Amino acid sequence: MKHLKKYLTAITLFSSLLSTPVLADTNKVDKEIEGTWQVTSIDGYETITRDIWQFKDNNFYQSVANQSLETEEYEIQDSSIQLNKAEMKIEASDKNNMTIKVERYTFELKRVNTLSHLYAATGCY
């Protein structure tokens, strides 16, 4: 129950704070984060709902338990993703995994291969 409360607090805080991104080579970073990601843990605790973050066409989409929460524009600055009210600091990133810090919470994400992601990768619409 203690972990559930911490998890829900982190999701609520993140949803209410959305801000801006930052990375060294913005084109490279934008291509690295473009796609659909599942949040696998927050502060080392496995997530209990299916949280999905999607970065597509400079828009950030967030859903928790298949409920859409946020859609907002983002931009990359240095090693951060800048949203309206929050900054996502990219701490680690590769083709399939990403670690993002938002305020005091650390989110671990894993790339999810969705149909829309496959369309974007192949250019077939």
N, C-alpha and C. Protein backbone atom coordinates (compact mmCIF):
# COMPACT_ATOMS: atom_id res chain seq x y z
N MET A 1 0.82 -1.19 0.00
CA MET A 1 0.00 0.00 0.00
C MET A 1 0.87 1.25 0.00
N LYS A 2 1.99 1.18 0.73
CA LYS A 2 2.90 2.32 0.80
C LYS A 2 3.46 2.64 -0.58
N HIS A 3 3.80 1.60 -1.36
CA HIS A 3 4.35 1.79 -2.69
C HIS A 3 3.28 2.32 -3.65
N LEU A 4 2.05 1.85 -3.49
CA LEU A 4 0.95 2.33 -4.32
C LEU A 4 0.73 3.82 -4.10
N LYS A 5 0.76 4.25 -2.85
CA LYS A 5 0.58 5.67 -2.54
C LYS A 5 1.70 6.50 -3.17
N LYS A 6 2.94 6.03 -3.06
CA LYS A 6 4.07 6.74 -3.65
C LYS A 6 3.93 6.80 -5.17
N TYR A 7 3.52 5.69 -5.77
CA TYR A 7 3.34 5.61 -7.22
C TYR A 7 2.26 6.59 -7.67
N LEU A 8 1.11 6.57 -7.02
CA LEU A 8 0.02 7.47 -7.39
C LEU A 8 0.40 8.93 -7.18
N THR A 9 1.16 9.22 -6.13
CA THR A 9 1.64 10.59 -5.90
C THR A 9 2.54 11.03 -7.03
N ALA A 10 3.44 10.15 -7.47
CA ALA A 10 4.36 10.48 -8.57
C ALA A 10 3.60 10.74 -9.86
N ILE A 11 2.63 9.90 -10.19
CA ILE A 11 1.84 10.08 -11.41
C ILE A 11 1.04 11.37 -11.33
N THR A 12 0.42 11.64 -10.19
CA THR A 12 -0.37 12.86 -10.02
C THR A 12 0.52 14.08 -10.15
N LEU A 13 1.67 14.07 -9.49
CA LEU A 13 2.60 15.20 -9.57
C LEU A 13 3.05 15.41 -11.00
N PHE A 14 3.45 14.34 -11.68
CA PHE A 14 3.91 14.47 -13.05
C PHE A 14 2.81 15.01 -13.96
N SER A 15 1.62 14.48 -13.83
CA SER A 15 0.51 14.91 -14.68
C SER A 15 0.19 16.39 -14.48
N SER A 16 0.39 16.88 -13.27
CA SER A 16 0.06 18.28 -13.00
C SER A 16 1.21 19.23 -13.31
N LEU A 17 2.40 18.72 -13.57
CA LEU A 17 3.57 19.58 -13.74
C LEU A 17 4.09 19.77 -15.16
N LEU A 18 3.69 18.98 -16.11
CA LEU A 18 4.30 18.91 -17.44
C LEU A 18 5.07 20.16 -17.88
N SER A 19 6.35 19.98 -18.36
CA SER A 19 7.22 21.12 -18.71
C SER A 19 8.04 20.92 -19.97
N THR A 20 9.40 21.08 -19.94
CA THR A 20 10.23 21.16 -21.14
C THR A 20 11.41 20.18 -21.21
N PRO A 21 11.86 19.66 -22.45
CA PRO A 21 12.99 18.75 -22.60
C PRO A 21 14.31 19.37 -23.04
N VAL A 22 15.45 18.73 -22.71
CA VAL A 22 16.78 19.25 -23.06
C VAL A 22 17.76 18.13 -23.39
N LEU A 23 18.51 18.22 -24.54
CA LEU A 23 19.54 17.24 -24.90
C LEU A 23 20.64 17.84 -25.76
N ALA A 24 21.82 17.20 -25.80
CA ALA A 24 22.98 17.73 -26.50
C ALA A 24 22.71 17.97 -27.99
N ASP A 25 22.52 16.94 -28.77
CA ASP A 25 22.20 17.07 -30.18
C ASP A 25 20.69 16.88 -30.31
N THR A 26 19.96 17.99 -30.43
CA THR A 26 18.50 17.92 -30.37
C THR A 26 17.91 17.03 -31.45
N ASN A 27 18.46 17.04 -32.65
CA ASN A 27 17.93 16.17 -33.71
C ASN A 27 18.11 14.70 -33.35
N LYS A 28 19.30 14.36 -32.83
CA LYS A 28 19.58 12.97 -32.45
C LYS A 28 18.68 12.55 -31.29
N VAL A 29 18.54 13.41 -30.31
CA VAL A 29 17.73 13.10 -29.14
C VAL A 29 16.27 12.95 -29.54
N ASP A 30 15.79 13.85 -30.39
CA ASP A 30 14.40 13.79 -30.82
C ASP A 30 14.12 12.47 -31.51
N LYS A 31 15.05 12.02 -32.35
CA LYS A 31 14.87 10.74 -33.05
C LYS A 31 14.94 9.57 -32.07
N GLU A 32 15.78 9.69 -31.03
CA GLU A 32 15.91 8.63 -30.03
C GLU A 32 14.64 8.47 -29.21
N ILE A 33 14.01 9.57 -28.83
CA ILE A 33 12.84 9.47 -27.96
C ILE A 33 11.53 9.30 -28.74
N GLU A 34 11.54 9.64 -30.02
CA GLU A 34 10.32 9.52 -30.84
C GLU A 34 9.80 8.09 -30.75
N GLY A 35 8.54 7.94 -30.42
CA GLY A 35 7.93 6.62 -30.34
C GLY A 35 7.08 6.46 -29.10
N THR A 36 6.76 5.22 -28.81
CA THR A 36 5.88 4.89 -27.70
C THR A 36 6.66 4.14 -26.63
N TRP A 37 6.49 4.56 -25.38
CA TRP A 37 7.25 4.02 -24.26
C TRP A 37 6.31 3.60 -23.14
N GLN A 38 6.61 2.48 -22.50
CA GLN A 38 5.86 2.06 -21.33
C GLN A 38 6.70 2.35 -20.10
N VAL A 39 6.08 2.98 -19.09
CA VAL A 39 6.75 3.23 -17.82
C VAL A 39 6.81 1.90 -17.08
N THR A 40 8.02 1.42 -16.80
CA THR A 40 8.17 0.13 -16.14
C THR A 40 8.39 0.27 -14.63
N SER A 41 8.96 1.41 -14.21
CA SER A 41 9.14 1.62 -12.77
C SER A 41 9.26 3.11 -12.46
N ILE A 42 8.93 3.41 -11.22
CA ILE A 42 9.10 4.77 -10.69
C ILE A 42 9.89 4.63 -9.41
N ASP A 43 11.04 5.30 -9.35
CA ASP A 43 11.94 5.21 -8.20
C ASP A 43 12.26 3.77 -7.83
N GLY A 44 12.41 2.91 -8.85
CA GLY A 44 12.79 1.53 -8.61
C GLY A 44 11.63 0.59 -8.31
N TYR A 45 10.43 1.12 -8.16
CA TYR A 45 9.26 0.28 -7.88
C TYR A 45 8.50 0.03 -9.17
N GLU A 46 8.22 -1.25 -9.44
CA GLU A 46 7.48 -1.63 -10.63
C GLU A 46 6.12 -0.94 -10.67
N THR A 47 5.73 -0.49 -11.86
CA THR A 47 4.42 0.14 -11.98
C THR A 47 3.33 -0.92 -11.97
N ILE A 48 2.16 -0.53 -11.48
CA ILE A 48 1.06 -1.49 -11.38
C ILE A 48 0.00 -1.25 -12.43
N THR A 49 0.10 -0.15 -13.15
CA THR A 49 -0.84 0.12 -14.23
C THR A 49 -0.07 0.21 -15.54
N ARG A 50 -0.76 0.22 -16.62
CA ARG A 50 -0.11 0.30 -17.94
C ARG A 50 0.01 1.77 -18.32
N ASP A 51 1.13 2.38 -17.90
CA ASP A 51 1.39 3.79 -18.20
C ASP A 51 2.15 3.89 -19.51
N ILE A 52 1.63 4.66 -20.42
CA ILE A 52 2.24 4.82 -21.74
C ILE A 52 2.56 6.29 -21.98
N TRP A 53 3.77 6.55 -22.42
CA TRP A 53 4.19 7.88 -22.85
C TRP A 53 4.51 7.77 -24.34
N GLN A 54 4.04 8.73 -25.12
CA GLN A 54 4.35 8.72 -26.54
C GLN A 54 4.87 10.10 -26.94
N PHE A 55 5.97 10.09 -27.67
CA PHE A 55 6.56 11.30 -28.24
C PHE A 55 6.41 11.17 -29.75
N LYS A 56 5.60 12.04 -30.34
CA LYS A 56 5.36 11.95 -31.78
C LYS A 56 5.08 13.34 -32.33
N ASP A 57 5.82 13.71 -33.39
CA ASP A 57 5.62 14.99 -34.06
C ASP A 57 5.62 16.17 -33.09
N ASN A 58 6.59 16.18 -32.17
CA ASN A 58 6.73 17.22 -31.14
C ASN A 58 5.54 17.32 -30.20
N ASN A 59 4.78 16.25 -30.07
CA ASN A 59 3.69 16.18 -29.11
C ASN A 59 3.95 15.04 -28.13
N PHE A 60 3.64 15.30 -26.87
CA PHE A 60 3.78 14.31 -25.81
C PHE A 60 2.38 13.86 -25.40
N TYR A 61 2.17 12.55 -25.41
CA TYR A 61 0.89 11.97 -25.01
C TYR A 61 1.15 11.07 -23.81
N GLN A 62 0.26 11.13 -22.83
CA GLN A 62 0.41 10.29 -21.65
C GLN A 62 -0.92 9.60 -21.37
N SER A 63 -0.86 8.30 -21.08
CA SER A 63 -2.05 7.58 -20.66
C SER A 63 -1.68 6.64 -19.52
N VAL A 64 -2.63 6.50 -18.59
CA VAL A 64 -2.46 5.61 -17.44
C VAL A 64 -3.66 4.68 -17.43
N ALA A 65 -3.39 3.39 -17.38
CA ALA A 65 -4.46 2.39 -17.37
C ALA A 65 -5.43 2.62 -18.53
N ASN A 66 -4.88 2.88 -19.70
CA ASN A 66 -5.64 3.10 -20.94
C ASN A 66 -6.53 4.34 -20.90
N GLN A 67 -6.28 5.25 -19.98
CA GLN A 67 -7.01 6.52 -19.91
C GLN A 67 -6.06 7.64 -20.31
N SER A 68 -6.41 8.39 -21.32
CA SER A 68 -5.57 9.49 -21.79
C SER A 68 -5.58 10.61 -20.76
N LEU A 69 -4.39 11.08 -20.37
CA LEU A 69 -4.27 12.14 -19.37
C LEU A 69 -3.80 13.45 -19.97
N GLU A 70 -2.79 13.39 -20.80
CA GLU A 70 -2.17 14.61 -21.28
C GLU A 70 -1.81 14.51 -22.75
N THR A 71 -1.93 15.63 -23.43
CA THR A 71 -1.38 15.82 -24.76
C THR A 71 -0.83 17.22 -24.76
N GLU A 72 0.44 17.35 -25.06
CA GLU A 72 1.01 18.69 -25.09
C GLU A 72 2.28 18.70 -25.91
N GLU A 73 2.60 19.88 -26.42
CA GLU A 73 3.81 20.02 -27.24
C GLU A 73 5.04 19.96 -26.35
N TYR A 74 6.13 19.46 -26.93
CA TYR A 74 7.41 19.45 -26.22
C TYR A 74 8.50 19.93 -27.16
N GLU A 75 9.61 20.29 -26.56
CA GLU A 75 10.81 20.59 -27.35
C GLU A 75 12.02 20.08 -26.58
N ILE A 76 13.04 19.76 -27.34
CA ILE A 76 14.28 19.23 -26.77
C ILE A 76 15.24 20.39 -26.57
N GLN A 77 15.83 20.45 -25.36
CA GLN A 77 16.86 21.44 -25.05
C GLN A 77 17.96 20.72 -24.28
N ASP A 78 19.15 20.69 -24.86
CA ASP A 78 20.28 19.99 -24.26
C ASP A 78 19.90 18.54 -23.96
N SER A 79 19.83 18.15 -22.69
CA SER A 79 19.48 16.77 -22.35
C SER A 79 18.16 16.72 -21.58
N SER A 80 17.23 17.57 -21.98
CA SER A 80 15.93 17.61 -21.32
C SER A 80 14.81 17.73 -22.33
N ILE A 81 13.64 17.31 -21.91
CA ILE A 81 12.42 17.46 -22.69
C ILE A 81 11.61 18.53 -21.98
N GLN A 82 11.35 19.61 -22.66
CA GLN A 82 10.62 20.72 -22.05
C GLN A 82 9.14 20.65 -22.41
N LEU A 83 8.30 20.61 -21.37
CA LEU A 83 6.85 20.65 -21.52
C LEU A 83 6.39 22.00 -20.97
N ASN A 84 5.09 22.22 -20.87
CA ASN A 84 4.59 23.50 -20.38
C ASN A 84 4.97 23.79 -18.93
N LYS A 85 4.77 22.82 -18.05
CA LYS A 85 4.95 23.06 -16.62
C LYS A 85 6.00 22.18 -15.97
N ALA A 86 6.71 21.38 -16.74
CA ALA A 86 7.68 20.46 -16.15
C ALA A 86 8.85 20.25 -17.09
N GLU A 87 9.93 19.79 -16.52
CA GLU A 87 11.11 19.44 -17.30
C GLU A 87 11.42 17.97 -17.04
N MET A 88 11.58 17.22 -18.12
CA MET A 88 11.96 15.82 -18.03
C MET A 88 13.44 15.75 -18.34
N LYS A 89 14.25 15.43 -17.38
CA LYS A 89 15.69 15.32 -17.58
C LYS A 89 16.01 13.89 -18.01
N ILE A 90 16.55 13.76 -19.22
CA ILE A 90 16.92 12.43 -19.72
C ILE A 90 18.27 12.05 -19.11
N GLU A 91 18.26 11.05 -18.24
CA GLU A 91 19.48 10.62 -17.57
C GLU A 91 20.21 9.53 -18.33
N ALA A 92 19.46 8.69 -19.04
CA ALA A 92 20.06 7.63 -19.85
C ALA A 92 19.08 7.28 -20.95
N SER A 93 19.64 6.92 -22.11
CA SER A 93 18.77 6.62 -23.25
C SER A 93 19.52 5.75 -24.24
N ASP A 94 18.84 4.74 -24.75
CA ASP A 94 19.33 3.98 -25.89
C ASP A 94 18.12 3.67 -26.75
N LYS A 95 18.29 2.82 -27.70
CA LYS A 95 17.21 2.55 -28.65
C LYS A 95 15.95 1.99 -27.99
N ASN A 96 16.10 1.23 -26.90
CA ASN A 96 14.96 0.55 -26.31
C ASN A 96 14.64 0.89 -24.86
N ASN A 97 15.51 1.64 -24.20
CA ASN A 97 15.31 1.97 -22.78
C ASN A 97 15.64 3.42 -22.53
N MET A 98 14.95 4.01 -21.55
CA MET A 98 15.21 5.41 -21.22
C MET A 98 14.95 5.61 -19.72
N THR A 99 15.78 6.44 -19.11
CA THR A 99 15.60 6.84 -17.71
C THR A 99 15.37 8.33 -17.71
N ILE A 100 14.26 8.75 -17.10
CA ILE A 100 13.89 10.17 -17.08
C ILE A 100 13.63 10.58 -15.63
N LYS A 101 14.14 11.74 -15.28
CA LYS A 101 13.89 12.30 -13.94
C LYS A 101 12.94 13.48 -14.10
N VAL A 102 11.85 13.46 -13.33
CA VAL A 102 10.88 14.56 -13.30
C VAL A 102 10.74 14.94 -11.83
N GLU A 103 11.14 16.18 -11.52
CA GLU A 103 11.17 16.61 -10.12
C GLU A 103 12.04 15.63 -9.34
N ARG A 104 11.49 15.02 -8.30
CA ARG A 104 12.31 14.09 -7.49
C ARG A 104 12.08 12.63 -7.86
N TYR A 105 11.30 12.36 -8.90
CA TYR A 105 10.97 10.99 -9.30
C TYR A 105 11.78 10.54 -10.51
N THR A 106 12.21 9.28 -10.48
CA THR A 106 12.95 8.69 -11.60
C THR A 106 12.06 7.64 -12.26
N PHE A 107 11.83 7.82 -13.56
CA PHE A 107 10.99 6.93 -14.35
C PHE A 107 11.87 6.08 -15.26
N GLU A 108 11.65 4.77 -15.25
CA GLU A 108 12.32 3.86 -16.19
C GLU A 108 11.29 3.51 -17.26
N LEU A 109 11.70 3.64 -18.52
CA LEU A 109 10.79 3.37 -19.63
C LEU A 109 11.39 2.36 -20.58
N LYS A 110 10.50 1.61 -21.24
CA LYS A 110 10.91 0.63 -22.24
C LYS A 110 10.10 0.89 -23.50
N ARG A 111 10.78 0.90 -24.64
CA ARG A 111 10.09 1.15 -25.92
C ARG A 111 9.07 0.05 -26.19
N VAL A 112 7.90 0.47 -26.67
CA VAL A 112 6.83 -0.44 -27.01
C VAL A 112 6.63 -0.36 -28.52
N ASN A 113 6.62 -1.50 -29.18
CA ASN A 113 6.38 -1.52 -30.62
C ASN A 113 4.89 -1.58 -30.88
N THR A 114 4.34 -0.44 -31.28
CA THR A 114 2.92 -0.37 -31.60
C THR A 114 2.76 -0.22 -33.10
N LEU A 115 1.57 -0.39 -33.59
CA LEU A 115 1.30 -0.26 -35.01
C LEU A 115 1.66 1.13 -35.51
N SER A 116 1.29 2.17 -34.74
CA SER A 116 1.62 3.53 -35.17
C SER A 116 3.13 3.74 -35.19
N HIS A 117 3.84 3.10 -34.25
CA HIS A 117 5.30 3.21 -34.24
C HIS A 117 5.88 2.52 -35.48
N LEU A 118 5.35 1.37 -35.85
CA LEU A 118 5.83 0.68 -37.05
C LEU A 118 5.55 1.51 -38.30
N TYR A 119 4.39 2.16 -38.36
CA TYR A 119 4.09 3.04 -39.48
C TYR A 119 5.10 4.17 -39.57
N ALA A 120 5.40 4.78 -38.44
CA ALA A 120 6.36 5.89 -38.43
C ALA A 120 7.73 5.41 -38.88
N ALA A 121 8.13 4.22 -38.46
CA ALA A 121 9.46 3.70 -38.80
C ALA A 121 9.57 3.36 -40.28
N THR A 122 8.49 2.88 -40.88
CA THR A 122 8.56 2.44 -42.27
C THR A 122 8.13 3.52 -43.25
N GLY A 123 7.43 4.54 -42.74
CA GLY A 123 6.94 5.59 -43.64
C GLY A 123 5.69 5.19 -44.39
N CYS A 124 5.10 4.04 -44.06
CA CYS A 124 3.87 3.57 -44.70
C CYS A 124 2.66 4.05 -43.92
N TYR A 125 1.78 4.75 -44.57
CA TYR A 125 0.56 5.23 -43.88
C TYR A 125 -0.66 4.79 -44.62
